[in-house]
């Protein structure tokens, strides 16, 4: 789109550029002054990540971001501009990642009193990241002890700060905490893309994994969004049959029924959050007939 300015004005005039094609003619009164043009287009933030000495360094370019108020009862918006210092995830710090399993590390920008600082958290931790809340962080520490998936880490510990999600980093490390393999994906964000991309059903299809799944084996949801698991099993005759899921190490309610013959069966269904482990414990079943996953 092009803008044609006719005339001039005293003081400063800000023109918000609409996202439409064509030419707009703006007629201004015949006085002198300064005219500033700004764009409402949401920009993808530029981030990068590098590996050296078994540590992960996260970098962001110069940012101009709108932050919500640090008072939840206020709708005031603060615009902050600055280039944040790098965030180093030290050698030995796993961020709750798993050996030889793809992880997604979400990168946050914090508003620390008008200074933008970086923070990072494993998406598998289940933290609220919709930008309507405030974030408290733990200092990474530099000694390889930042090992929790549900803890947000920054260079210096912060309390109750407004934040923005600015991107994510995906990688698979042979040994969790030994950052030796370069990220497979680095993605910047603008706005609330994380919410849509991480939602159940978004970009997913049902897959029949019966041939590659079995009871008693631990699996991991490496898709970086929730998955839905549906299992049916054939009963062992004359027994109460159980299918008990364990998700992230926490046992769930069993699907169970008494079956007079092997013509009967039992089913179980559950959601596995991103990054979490899942395991089915089966008792008194003849076989698993179907194992479907929405992923």
C-alpha atoms as a PDB file:
ATOM      1  CA  UNK A   1       0.000   0.000   0.000  1.00  0.00           C
ATOM      2  CA  UNK A   2       1.204   3.566  -0.680  1.00  0.00           C
ATOM      3  CA  UNK A   3       0.500   6.755   1.292  1.00  0.00           C
ATOM      4  CA  UNK A   4       0.268  10.221  -0.290  1.00  0.00           C
ATOM      5  CA  UNK A   5       0.570  13.140   2.165  1.00  0.00           C
ATOM      6  CA  UNK A   6      -0.891  16.450   1.025  1.00  0.00           C
ATOM      7  CA  UNK A   7      -0.121  19.505   3.146  1.00  0.00           C
ATOM      8  CA  UNK A   8       1.656  19.517   6.505  1.00  0.00           C
ATOM      9  CA  UNK A   9       0.809  19.793  10.172  1.00  0.00           C
ATOM     10  CA  UNK A  10       2.316  21.215  13.324  1.00  0.00           C
ATOM     11  CA  UNK A  11       3.574  18.856  16.033  1.00  0.00           C
ATOM     12  CA  UNK A  12       3.752  15.128  15.451  1.00  0.00           C
ATOM     13  CA  UNK A  13       1.216  12.986  13.587  1.00  0.00           C
ATOM     14  CA  UNK A  14       1.249   9.183  13.750  1.00  0.00           C
ATOM     15  CA  UNK A  15      -0.385   7.345  10.868  1.00  0.00           C
ATOM     16  CA  UNK A  16      -1.382   3.739  11.535  1.00  0.00           C
ATOM     17  CA  UNK A  17      -0.979   1.823   8.282  1.00  0.00           C
ATOM     18  CA  UNK A  18      -4.001  -0.426   7.587  1.00  0.00           C
ATOM     19  CA  UNK A  19      -3.392  -3.851   6.092  1.00  0.00           C
ATOM     20  CA  UNK A  20      -5.090  -3.135   2.751  1.00  0.00           C
ATOM     21  CA  UNK A  21      -3.878  -2.816  -0.803  1.00  0.00           C
ATOM     22  CA  UNK A  22      -4.143   0.307  -2.941  1.00  0.00           C
ATOM     23  CA  UNK A  23      -3.418   3.995  -2.423  1.00  0.00           C
ATOM     24  CA  UNK A  24      -4.659   6.205   0.410  1.00  0.00           C
ATOM     25  CA  UNK A  25      -4.623  10.011   0.106  1.00  0.00           C
ATOM     26  CA  UNK A  26      -4.298  11.882   3.412  1.00  0.00           C
ATOM     27  CA  UNK A  27      -5.071  15.606   3.346  1.00  0.00           C
ATOM     28  CA  UNK A  28      -3.298  17.528   6.119  1.00  0.00           C
ATOM     29  CA  UNK A  29      -3.762  21.169   7.126  1.00  0.00           C
ATOM     30  CA  UNK A  30      -1.182  23.645   5.783  1.00  0.00           C
ATOM     31  CA  UNK A  31       1.120  23.946   8.801  1.00  0.00           C
ATOM     32  CA  UNK A  32       4.651  22.689   9.383  1.00  0.00           C
ATOM     33  CA  UNK A  33       5.860  19.930  11.674  1.00  0.00           C
ATOM     34  CA  UNK A  34       6.906  16.267  11.825  1.00  0.00           C
ATOM     35  CA  UNK A  35       5.042  13.304  10.386  1.00  0.00           C
ATOM     36  CA  UNK A  36       5.780   9.790  11.674  1.00  0.00           C
ATOM     37  CA  UNK A  37       4.621   6.616   9.979  1.00  0.00           C
ATOM     38  CA  UNK A  38       4.197   3.411  11.955  1.00  0.00           C
ATOM     39  CA  UNK A  39       2.905  -0.027  10.985  1.00  0.00           C
ATOM     40  CA  UNK A  40       0.367  -2.208  12.758  1.00  0.00           C
ATOM     41  CA  UNK A  41       1.733  -5.346  11.130  1.00  0.00           C
ATOM     42  CA  UNK A  42       2.633  -8.036  13.688  1.00  0.00           C
ATOM     43  CA  UNK A  43       6.281  -8.950  13.166  1.00  0.00           C
ATOM     44  CA  UNK A  44       7.897 -12.334  13.736  1.00  0.00           C
ATOM     45  CA  UNK A  45      10.627 -11.794  16.287  1.00  0.00           C
ATOM     46  CA  UNK A  46      14.182 -12.659  15.281  1.00  0.00           C
ATOM     47  CA  UNK A  47      15.873 -15.156  17.616  1.00  0.00           C
ATOM     48  CA  UNK A  48      18.874 -17.444  17.315  1.00  0.00           C
ATOM     49  CA  UNK A  49      20.548 -20.225  19.254  1.00  0.00           C
ATOM     50  CA  UNK A  50      24.051 -21.605  19.222  1.00  0.00           C
ATOM     51  CA  UNK A  51      25.908 -24.548  20.782  1.00  0.00           C
ATOM     52  CA  UNK A  52      29.388 -24.259  22.298  1.00  0.00           C
ATOM     53  CA  UNK A  53      31.199 -26.023  25.147  1.00  0.00           C
ATOM     54  CA  UNK A  54      28.078 -28.155  25.784  1.00  0.00           C
ATOM     55  CA  UNK A  55      26.030 -25.028  26.552  1.00  0.00           C
ATOM     56  CA  UNK A  56      23.087 -23.491  24.689  1.00  0.00           C
ATOM     57  CA  UNK A  57      23.133 -19.723  24.091  1.00  0.00           C
ATOM     58  CA  UNK A  58      19.853 -18.003  23.165  1.00  0.00           C
ATOM     59  CA  UNK A  59      19.973 -14.609  21.451  1.00  0.00           C
ATOM     60  CA  UNK A  60      17.343 -12.112  20.344  1.00  0.00           C
ATOM     61  CA  UNK A  61      17.720  -9.106  18.069  1.00  0.00           C
ATOM     62  CA  UNK A  62      16.503  -5.615  18.966  1.00  0.00           C
ATOM     63  CA  UNK A  63      12.863  -5.862  20.068  1.00  0.00           C
ATOM     64  CA  UNK A  64       9.940  -3.463  20.325  1.00  0.00           C
ATOM     65  CA  UNK A  65       7.161  -5.199  22.234  1.00  0.00           C
ATOM     66  CA  UNK A  66       3.870  -4.313  23.900  1.00  0.00           C
ATOM     67  CA  UNK A  67       3.574  -5.758  27.419  1.00  0.00           C
ATOM     68  CA  UNK A  68       0.504  -6.035  29.600  1.00  0.00           C
ATOM     69  CA  UNK A  69       0.537  -4.303  32.981  1.00  0.00           C
ATOM     70  CA  UNK A  70       2.291  -6.020  35.896  1.00  0.00           C
ATOM     71  CA  UNK A  71      -0.969  -5.347  37.780  1.00  0.00           C
ATOM     72  CA  UNK A  72      -3.447  -7.979  36.643  1.00  0.00           C
ATOM     73  CA  UNK A  73      -6.364  -5.654  37.381  1.00  0.00           C
ATOM     74  CA  UNK A  74      -5.047  -3.048  34.933  1.00  0.00           C
ATOM     75  CA  UNK A  75      -5.381  -3.054  31.150  1.00  0.00           C
ATOM     76  CA  UNK A  76      -2.556  -0.570  30.627  1.00  0.00           C
ATOM     77  CA  UNK A  77      -0.085  -1.506  27.876  1.00  0.00           C
ATOM     78  CA  UNK A  78       3.599  -0.581  28.011  1.00  0.00           C
ATOM     79  CA  UNK A  79       5.771  -0.507  24.881  1.00  0.00           C
ATOM     80  CA  UNK A  80       9.410  -1.388  25.510  1.00  0.00           C
ATOM     81  CA  UNK A  81      12.316  -1.271  23.062  1.00  0.00           C
ATOM     82  CA  UNK A  82      15.719  -2.843  23.589  1.00  0.00           C
ATOM     83  CA  UNK A  83      18.171  -5.609  22.764  1.00  0.00           C
ATOM     84  CA  UNK A  84      18.179  -8.207  25.550  1.00  0.00           C
ATOM     85  CA  UNK A  85      21.345  -9.822  26.846  1.00  0.00           C
ATOM     86  CA  UNK A  86      21.946 -13.411  25.767  1.00  0.00           C
ATOM     87  CA  UNK A  87      20.577 -16.232  27.908  1.00  0.00           C
ATOM     88  CA  UNK A  88      23.000 -19.131  28.458  1.00  0.00           C
ATOM     89  CA  UNK A  89      21.688 -22.567  29.396  1.00  0.00           C
ATOM     90  CA  UNK A  90      24.828 -23.985  30.962  1.00  0.00           C
ATOM     91  CA  UNK A  91      26.377 -27.383  30.370  1.00  0.00           C
ATOM     92  CA  UNK A  92      24.552 -29.938  32.491  1.00  0.00           C
ATOM     93  CA  UNK A  93      21.276 -27.996  32.645  1.00  0.00           C
ATOM     94  CA  UNK A  94      18.623 -30.236  31.081  1.00  0.00           C
ATOM     95  CA  UNK A  95      15.571 -27.930  31.358  1.00  0.00           C
ATOM     96  CA  UNK A  96      13.711 -31.197  31.936  1.00  0.00           C
ATOM     97  CA  UNK A  97      14.567 -32.616  28.508  1.00  0.00           C
ATOM     98  CA  UNK A  98      15.050 -36.354  27.881  1.00  0.00           C
ATOM     99  CA  UNK A  99      17.994 -38.207  26.355  1.00  0.00           C
ATOM    100  CA  UNK A 100      17.672 -38.708  22.581  1.00  0.00           C
ATOM    101  CA  UNK A 101      14.166 -37.180  22.579  1.00  0.00           C
ATOM    102  CA  UNK A 102      13.160 -34.041  20.717  1.00  0.00           C
ATOM    103  CA  UNK A 103      12.353 -31.099  22.981  1.00  0.00           C
ATOM    104  CA  UNK A 104      10.827 -27.683  22.450  1.00  0.00           C
ATOM    105  CA  UNK A 105      12.212 -24.806  24.524  1.00  0.00           C
ATOM    106  CA  UNK A 106       9.981 -21.726  24.528  1.00  0.00           C
ATOM    107  CA  UNK A 107      11.759 -18.348  24.538  1.00  0.00           C
ATOM    108  CA  UNK A 108      10.182 -15.496  26.511  1.00  0.00           C
ATOM    109  CA  UNK A 109      10.860 -11.768  26.686  1.00  0.00           C
ATOM    110  CA  UNK A 110      10.374 -10.292  30.166  1.00  0.00           C
ATOM    111  CA  UNK A 111       9.644  -6.650  30.933  1.00  0.00           C
ATOM    112  CA  UNK A 112      11.890  -5.937  33.921  1.00  0.00           C
ATOM    113  CA  UNK A 113      11.030  -2.320  34.659  1.00  0.00           C
ATOM    114  CA  UNK A 114      11.505  -1.186  31.070  1.00  0.00           C
ATOM    115  CA  UNK A 115      14.417  -3.524  30.278  1.00  0.00           C
ATOM    116  CA  UNK A 116      13.790  -6.577  28.108  1.00  0.00           C
ATOM    117  CA  UNK A 117      15.330  -9.801  29.434  1.00  0.00           C
ATOM    118  CA  UNK A 118      15.211 -13.344  28.041  1.00  0.00           C
ATOM    119  CA  UNK A 119      13.837 -16.420  29.743  1.00  0.00           C
ATOM    120  CA  UNK A 120      13.296 -20.024  28.647  1.00  0.00           C
ATOM    121  CA  UNK A 121      11.090 -22.944  29.651  1.00  0.00           C
ATOM    122  CA  UNK A 122      10.419 -26.460  28.396  1.00  0.00           C
ATOM    123  CA  UNK A 123       6.969 -26.649  26.795  1.00  0.00           C
ATOM    124  CA  UNK A 124       6.427 -30.064  28.417  1.00  0.00           C
ATOM    125  CA  UNK A 125       6.233 -28.403  31.843  1.00  0.00           C
ATOM    126  CA  UNK A 126       2.654 -27.311  31.211  1.00  0.00           C
ATOM    127  CA  UNK A 127       3.165 -23.666  32.218  1.00  0.00           C
ATOM    128  CA  UNK A 128       0.538 -21.062  31.332  1.00  0.00           C
ATOM    129  CA  UNK A 129       2.060 -19.128  28.429  1.00  0.00           C
ATOM    130  CA  UNK A 130      -0.901 -17.191  27.003  1.00  0.00           C
ATOM    131  CA  UNK A 131       0.529 -13.786  28.059  1.00  0.00           C
ATOM    132  CA  UNK A 132      -2.484 -12.982  30.282  1.00  0.00           C
ATOM    133  CA  UNK A 133      -0.596 -13.854  33.473  1.00  0.00           C
ATOM    134  CA  UNK A 134       2.686 -12.829  35.119  1.00  0.00           C
ATOM    135  CA  UNK A 135       5.864 -14.913  35.143  1.00  0.00           C
ATOM    136  CA  UNK A 136       8.309 -15.576  37.984  1.00  0.00           C
ATOM    137  CA  UNK A 137      11.656 -17.100  37.086  1.00  0.00           C
ATOM    138  CA  UNK A 138      14.542 -18.958  38.692  1.00  0.00           C
ATOM    139  CA  UNK A 139      18.158 -17.998  37.996  1.00  0.00           C
ATOM    140  CA  UNK A 140      19.784 -20.441  35.560  1.00  0.00           C
ATOM    141  CA  UNK A 141      22.782 -20.330  37.856  1.00  0.00           C
ATOM    142  CA  UNK A 142      25.497 -21.223  35.375  1.00  0.00           C
ATOM    143  CA  UNK A 143      26.366 -24.453  37.176  1.00  0.00           C
ATOM    144  CA  UNK A 144      24.331 -26.990  35.256  1.00  0.00           C
ATOM    145  CA  UNK A 145      21.483 -27.224  37.753  1.00  0.00           C
ATOM    146  CA  UNK A 146      18.561 -25.868  35.704  1.00  0.00           C
ATOM    147  CA  UNK A 147      16.840 -29.230  35.343  1.00  0.00           C
ATOM    148  CA  UNK A 148      13.074 -28.761  35.780  1.00  0.00           C
ATOM    149  CA  UNK A 149      10.633 -28.774  32.862  1.00  0.00           C
ATOM    150  CA  UNK A 150       8.064 -26.638  34.694  1.00  0.00           C
ATOM    151  CA  UNK A 151      10.448 -23.900  35.880  1.00  0.00           C
ATOM    152  CA  UNK A 152      11.048 -20.743  33.851  1.00  0.00           C
ATOM    153  CA  UNK A 153      14.752 -19.884  33.854  1.00  0.00           C
ATOM    154  CA  UNK A 154      16.442 -16.519  33.273  1.00  0.00           C
ATOM    155  CA  UNK A 155      19.906 -15.162  33.946  1.00  0.00           C
ATOM    156  CA  UNK A 156      18.667 -13.438  37.127  1.00  0.00           C
ATOM    157  CA  UNK A 157      15.644 -14.587  39.142  1.00  0.00           C
ATOM    158  CA  UNK A 158      12.605 -12.338  38.613  1.00  0.00           C
ATOM    159  CA  UNK A 159       9.197 -12.120  40.288  1.00  0.00           C
ATOM    160  CA  UNK A 160       5.783 -11.432  38.722  1.00  0.00           C
ATOM    161  CA  UNK A 161       6.824  -9.822  35.438  1.00  0.00           C
ATOM    162  CA  UNK A 162       4.800  -9.272  32.273  1.00  0.00           C
ATOM    163  CA  UNK A 163       6.170 -11.297  29.365  1.00  0.00           C
ATOM    164  CA  UNK A 164       5.790 -12.098  25.683  1.00  0.00           C
ATOM    165  CA  UNK A 165       6.386 -15.392  23.871  1.00  0.00           C
ATOM    166  CA  UNK A 166       8.911 -14.615  21.121  1.00  0.00           C
ATOM    167  CA  UNK A 167       9.791 -18.046  19.760  1.00  0.00           C
ATOM    168  CA  UNK A 168      10.896 -21.604  20.370  1.00  0.00           C
ATOM    169  CA  UNK A 169      13.905 -23.852  19.821  1.00  0.00           C
ATOM    170  CA  UNK A 170      13.679 -27.552  18.971  1.00  0.00           C
ATOM    171  CA  UNK A 171      16.566 -29.963  19.298  1.00  0.00           C
ATOM    172  CA  UNK A 172      17.441 -33.561  20.127  1.00  0.00           C
ATOM    173  CA  UNK A 173      20.430 -34.072  22.411  1.00  0.00           C
ATOM    174  CA  UNK A 174      21.978 -37.533  22.851  1.00  0.00           C
ATOM    175  CA  UNK A 175      22.532 -36.740  26.525  1.00  0.00           C
ATOM    176  CA  UNK A 176      20.128 -34.282  28.121  1.00  0.00           C
ATOM    177  CA  UNK A 177      22.041 -31.275  29.411  1.00  0.00           C
ATOM    178  CA  UNK A 178      24.988 -31.813  27.100  1.00  0.00           C
ATOM    179  CA  UNK A 179      24.110 -29.313  24.390  1.00  0.00           C
ATOM    180  CA  UNK A 180      26.118 -30.758  21.523  1.00  0.00           C
ATOM    181  CA  UNK A 181      23.708 -30.930  18.570  1.00  0.00           C
ATOM    182  CA  UNK A 182      22.563 -27.752  16.837  1.00  0.00           C
ATOM    183  CA  UNK A 183      18.826 -26.989  16.990  1.00  0.00           C
ATOM    184  CA  UNK A 184      16.752 -28.589  14.255  1.00  0.00           C
ATOM    185  CA  UNK A 185      14.219 -25.726  14.291  1.00  0.00           C
ATOM    186  CA  UNK A 186      14.357 -22.121  15.474  1.00  0.00           C
ATOM    187  CA  UNK A 187      11.034 -20.299  15.144  1.00  0.00           C
ATOM    188  CA  UNK A 188      10.223 -16.716  16.043  1.00  0.00           C
ATOM    189  CA  UNK A 189       6.715 -15.693  17.057  1.00  0.00           C
ATOM    190  CA  UNK A 190       4.549 -12.629  16.708  1.00  0.00           C
ATOM    191  CA  UNK A 191       1.409 -12.614  18.845  1.00  0.00           C
ATOM    192  CA  UNK A 192      -0.354 -15.758  20.041  1.00  0.00           C
ATOM    193  CA  UNK A 193       0.888 -18.318  17.500  1.00  0.00           C
ATOM    194  CA  UNK A 194       2.025 -20.630  20.307  1.00  0.00           C
ATOM    195  CA  UNK A 195      -1.541 -21.160  21.522  1.00  0.00           C
ATOM    196  CA  UNK A 196      -2.863 -22.312  18.138  1.00  0.00           C
ATOM    197  CA  UNK A 197       0.177 -24.373  17.234  1.00  0.00           C
ATOM    198  CA  UNK A 198       0.152 -26.187  20.582  1.00  0.00           C
ATOM    199  CA  UNK A 199      -3.566 -26.998  20.706  1.00  0.00           C
ATOM    200  CA  UNK A 200      -5.068 -30.474  20.540  1.00  0.00           C
ATOM    201  CA  UNK A 201      -6.278 -31.340  17.039  1.00  0.00           C
ATOM    202  CA  UNK A 202      -4.372 -28.535  15.271  1.00  0.00           C
ATOM    203  CA  UNK A 203      -2.527 -30.135  12.336  1.00  0.00           C
ATOM    204  CA  UNK A 204      -3.070 -33.653  13.732  1.00  0.00           C
ATOM    205  CA  UNK A 205      -4.592 -36.858  12.331  1.00  0.00           C
ATOM    206  CA  UNK A 206      -5.491 -40.244  13.830  1.00  0.00           C
ATOM    207  CA  UNK A 207      -2.734 -42.801  13.368  1.00  0.00           C
ATOM    208  CA  UNK A 208      -3.009 -46.560  13.896  1.00  0.00           C
ATOM    209  CA  UNK A 209       0.055 -47.501  15.971  1.00  0.00           C
ATOM    210  CA  UNK A 210      -1.118 -50.966  17.040  1.00  0.00           C
ATOM    211  CA  UNK A 211       1.861 -52.681  15.442  1.00  0.00           C
ATOM    212  CA  UNK A 212       4.428 -50.488  17.224  1.00  0.00           C
ATOM    213  CA  UNK A 213       2.863 -50.128  20.695  1.00  0.00           C
ATOM    214  CA  UNK A 214       2.648 -52.569  23.607  1.00  0.00           C
ATOM    215  CA  UNK A 215       1.681 -52.536  27.269  1.00  0.00           C
ATOM    216  CA  UNK A 216       4.439 -52.107  29.824  1.00  0.00           C
ATOM    217  CA  UNK A 217       6.587 -49.887  27.563  1.00  0.00           C
ATOM    218  CA  UNK A 218       7.133 -46.189  28.255  1.00  0.00           C
ATOM    219  CA  UNK A 219       6.633 -43.816  25.327  1.00  0.00           C
ATOM    220  CA  UNK A 220       7.071 -40.048  25.045  1.00  0.00           C
ATOM    221  CA  UNK A 221       4.922 -37.423  23.377  1.00  0.00           C
ATOM    222  CA  UNK A 222       7.559 -35.679  21.263  1.00  0.00           C
ATOM    223  CA  UNK A 223       5.056 -33.815  19.048  1.00  0.00           C
ATOM    224  CA  UNK A 224       5.208 -30.623  21.184  1.00  0.00           C
ATOM    225  CA  UNK A 225       1.421 -30.502  21.474  1.00  0.00           C
ATOM    226  CA  UNK A 226      -1.092 -32.704  23.346  1.00  0.00           C
ATOM    227  CA  UNK A 227      -1.977 -36.047  21.806  1.00  0.00           C
ATOM    228  CA  UNK A 228      -5.067 -38.222  22.343  1.00  0.00           C
ATOM    229  CA  UNK A 229      -4.629 -41.986  22.839  1.00  0.00           C
ATOM    230  CA  UNK A 230      -7.421 -44.567  22.351  1.00  0.00           C
ATOM    231  CA  UNK A 231      -6.835 -48.256  23.153  1.00  0.00           C
ATOM    232  CA  UNK A 232      -9.070 -51.329  22.958  1.00  0.00           C
ATOM    233  CA  UNK A 233      -8.028 -54.729  24.299  1.00  0.00           C
ATOM    234  CA  UNK A 234      -9.444 -58.259  24.213  1.00  0.00           C
ATOM    235  CA  UNK A 235     -10.340 -59.694  27.592  1.00  0.00           C
ATOM    236  CA  UNK A 236      -9.063 -62.831  29.194  1.00  0.00           C
ATOM    237  CA  UNK A 237     -12.055 -65.073  29.879  1.00  0.00           C
ATOM    238  CA  UNK A 238     -13.561 -65.010  33.376  1.00  0.00           C
ATOM    239  CA  UNK A 239     -11.429 -62.167  34.747  1.00  0.00           C
ATOM    240  CA  UNK A 240     -11.672 -58.503  35.566  1.00  0.00           C
ATOM    241  CA  UNK A 241      -9.614 -56.800  32.877  1.00  0.00           C
ATOM    242  CA  UNK A 242      -7.633 -53.611  33.510  1.00  0.00           C
ATOM    243  CA  UNK A 243      -5.970 -50.974  31.348  1.00  0.00           C
ATOM    244  CA  UNK A 244      -4.240 -48.387  33.540  1.00  0.00           C
ATOM    245  CA  UNK A 245      -2.414 -45.408  31.971  1.00  0.00           C
ATOM    246  CA  UNK A 246       0.472 -43.672  33.710  1.00  0.00           C
ATOM    247  CA  UNK A 247       1.124 -40.177  32.343  1.00  0.00           C
ATOM    248  CA  UNK A 248       4.194 -38.210  33.366  1.00  0.00           C
ATOM    249  CA  UNK A 249       4.768 -40.735  36.151  1.00  0.00           C
ATOM    250  CA  UNK A 250       1.257 -40.309  37.600  1.00  0.00           C
ATOM    251  CA  UNK A 251      -1.103 -43.312  37.486  1.00  0.00           C
ATOM    252  CA  UNK A 252      -4.567 -42.512  36.132  1.00  0.00           C
ATOM    253  CA  UNK A 253      -7.950 -44.183  36.638  1.00  0.00           C
ATOM    254  CA  UNK A 254      -8.148 -47.716  35.287  1.00  0.00           C
ATOM    255  CA  UNK A 255     -10.473 -48.802  32.542  1.00  0.00           C
ATOM    256  CA  UNK A 256     -11.770 -52.130  33.860  1.00  0.00           C
ATOM    257  CA  UNK A 257     -14.617 -54.580  33.396  1.00  0.00           C
ATOM    258  CA  UNK A 258     -15.448 -58.168  34.349  1.00  0.00           C
ATOM    259  CA  UNK A 259     -15.544 -60.308  31.226  1.00  0.00           C
ATOM    260  CA  UNK A 260     -17.304 -63.686  31.205  1.00  0.00           C
ATOM    261  CA  UNK A 261     -15.577 -64.646  27.976  1.00  0.00           C
ATOM    262  CA  UNK A 262     -12.852 -63.514  25.611  1.00  0.00           C
ATOM    263  CA  UNK A 263     -15.533 -62.133  23.319  1.00  0.00           C
ATOM    264  CA  UNK A 264     -15.598 -59.058  25.528  1.00  0.00           C
ATOM    265  CA  UNK A 265     -13.051 -56.300  25.840  1.00  0.00           C
ATOM    266  CA  UNK A 266     -12.042 -53.130  27.610  1.00  0.00           C
ATOM    267  CA  UNK A 267     -11.047 -49.710  26.333  1.00  0.00           C
ATOM    268  CA  UNK A 268      -9.048 -46.750  27.622  1.00  0.00           C
ATOM    269  CA  UNK A 269      -8.574 -43.213  26.348  1.00  0.00           C
ATOM    270  CA  UNK A 270      -6.485 -40.322  27.624  1.00  0.00           C
ATOM    271  CA  UNK A 271      -4.660 -37.123  26.685  1.00  0.00           C
ATOM    272  CA  UNK A 272      -0.869 -36.875  26.951  1.00  0.00           C
ATOM    273  CA  UNK A 273       0.506 -33.321  27.364  1.00  0.00           C
ATOM    274  CA  UNK A 274       3.428 -32.239  25.197  1.00  0.00           C
ATOM    275  CA  UNK A 275       6.730 -33.769  26.231  1.00  0.00           C
ATOM    276  CA  UNK A 276       5.209 -36.133  28.813  1.00  0.00           C
ATOM    277  CA  UNK A 277       5.793 -39.877  29.120  1.00  0.00           C
ATOM    278  CA  UNK A 278       2.940 -42.381  28.905  1.00  0.00           C
ATOM    279  CA  UNK A 279       2.641 -46.055  29.770  1.00  0.00           C
ATOM    280  CA  UNK A 280      -0.208 -48.594  29.701  1.00  0.00           C
ATOM    281  CA  UNK A 281      -0.287 -51.314  32.349  1.00  0.00           C
ATOM    282  CA  UNK A 282      -2.540 -54.202  31.300  1.00  0.00           C
ATOM    283  CA  UNK A 283      -3.912 -57.000  33.462  1.00  0.00           C
ATOM    284  CA  UNK A 284      -5.876 -60.055  32.321  1.00  0.00           C
ATOM    285  CA  UNK A 285      -6.008 -59.161  28.652  1.00  0.00           C
ATOM    286  CA  UNK A 286      -5.557 -61.495  25.729  1.00  0.00           C
ATOM    287  CA  UNK A 287      -4.193 -58.861  23.349  1.00  0.00           C
ATOM    288  CA  UNK A 288      -4.407 -55.191  22.424  1.00  0.00           C
ATOM    289  CA  UNK A 289      -6.736 -54.979  19.444  1.00  0.00           C
ATOM    290  CA  UNK A 290      -6.302 -51.318  18.513  1.00  0.00           C
ATOM    291  CA  UNK A 291      -3.996 -48.496  19.587  1.00  0.00           C
ATOM    292  CA  UNK A 292      -4.870 -45.180  17.948  1.00  0.00           C
ATOM    293  CA  UNK A 293      -3.245 -41.805  18.554  1.00  0.00           C
ATOM    294  CA  UNK A 294      -4.377 -38.358  17.428  1.00  0.00           C
ATOM    295  CA  UNK A 295      -0.966 -36.787  16.761  1.00  0.00           C
END
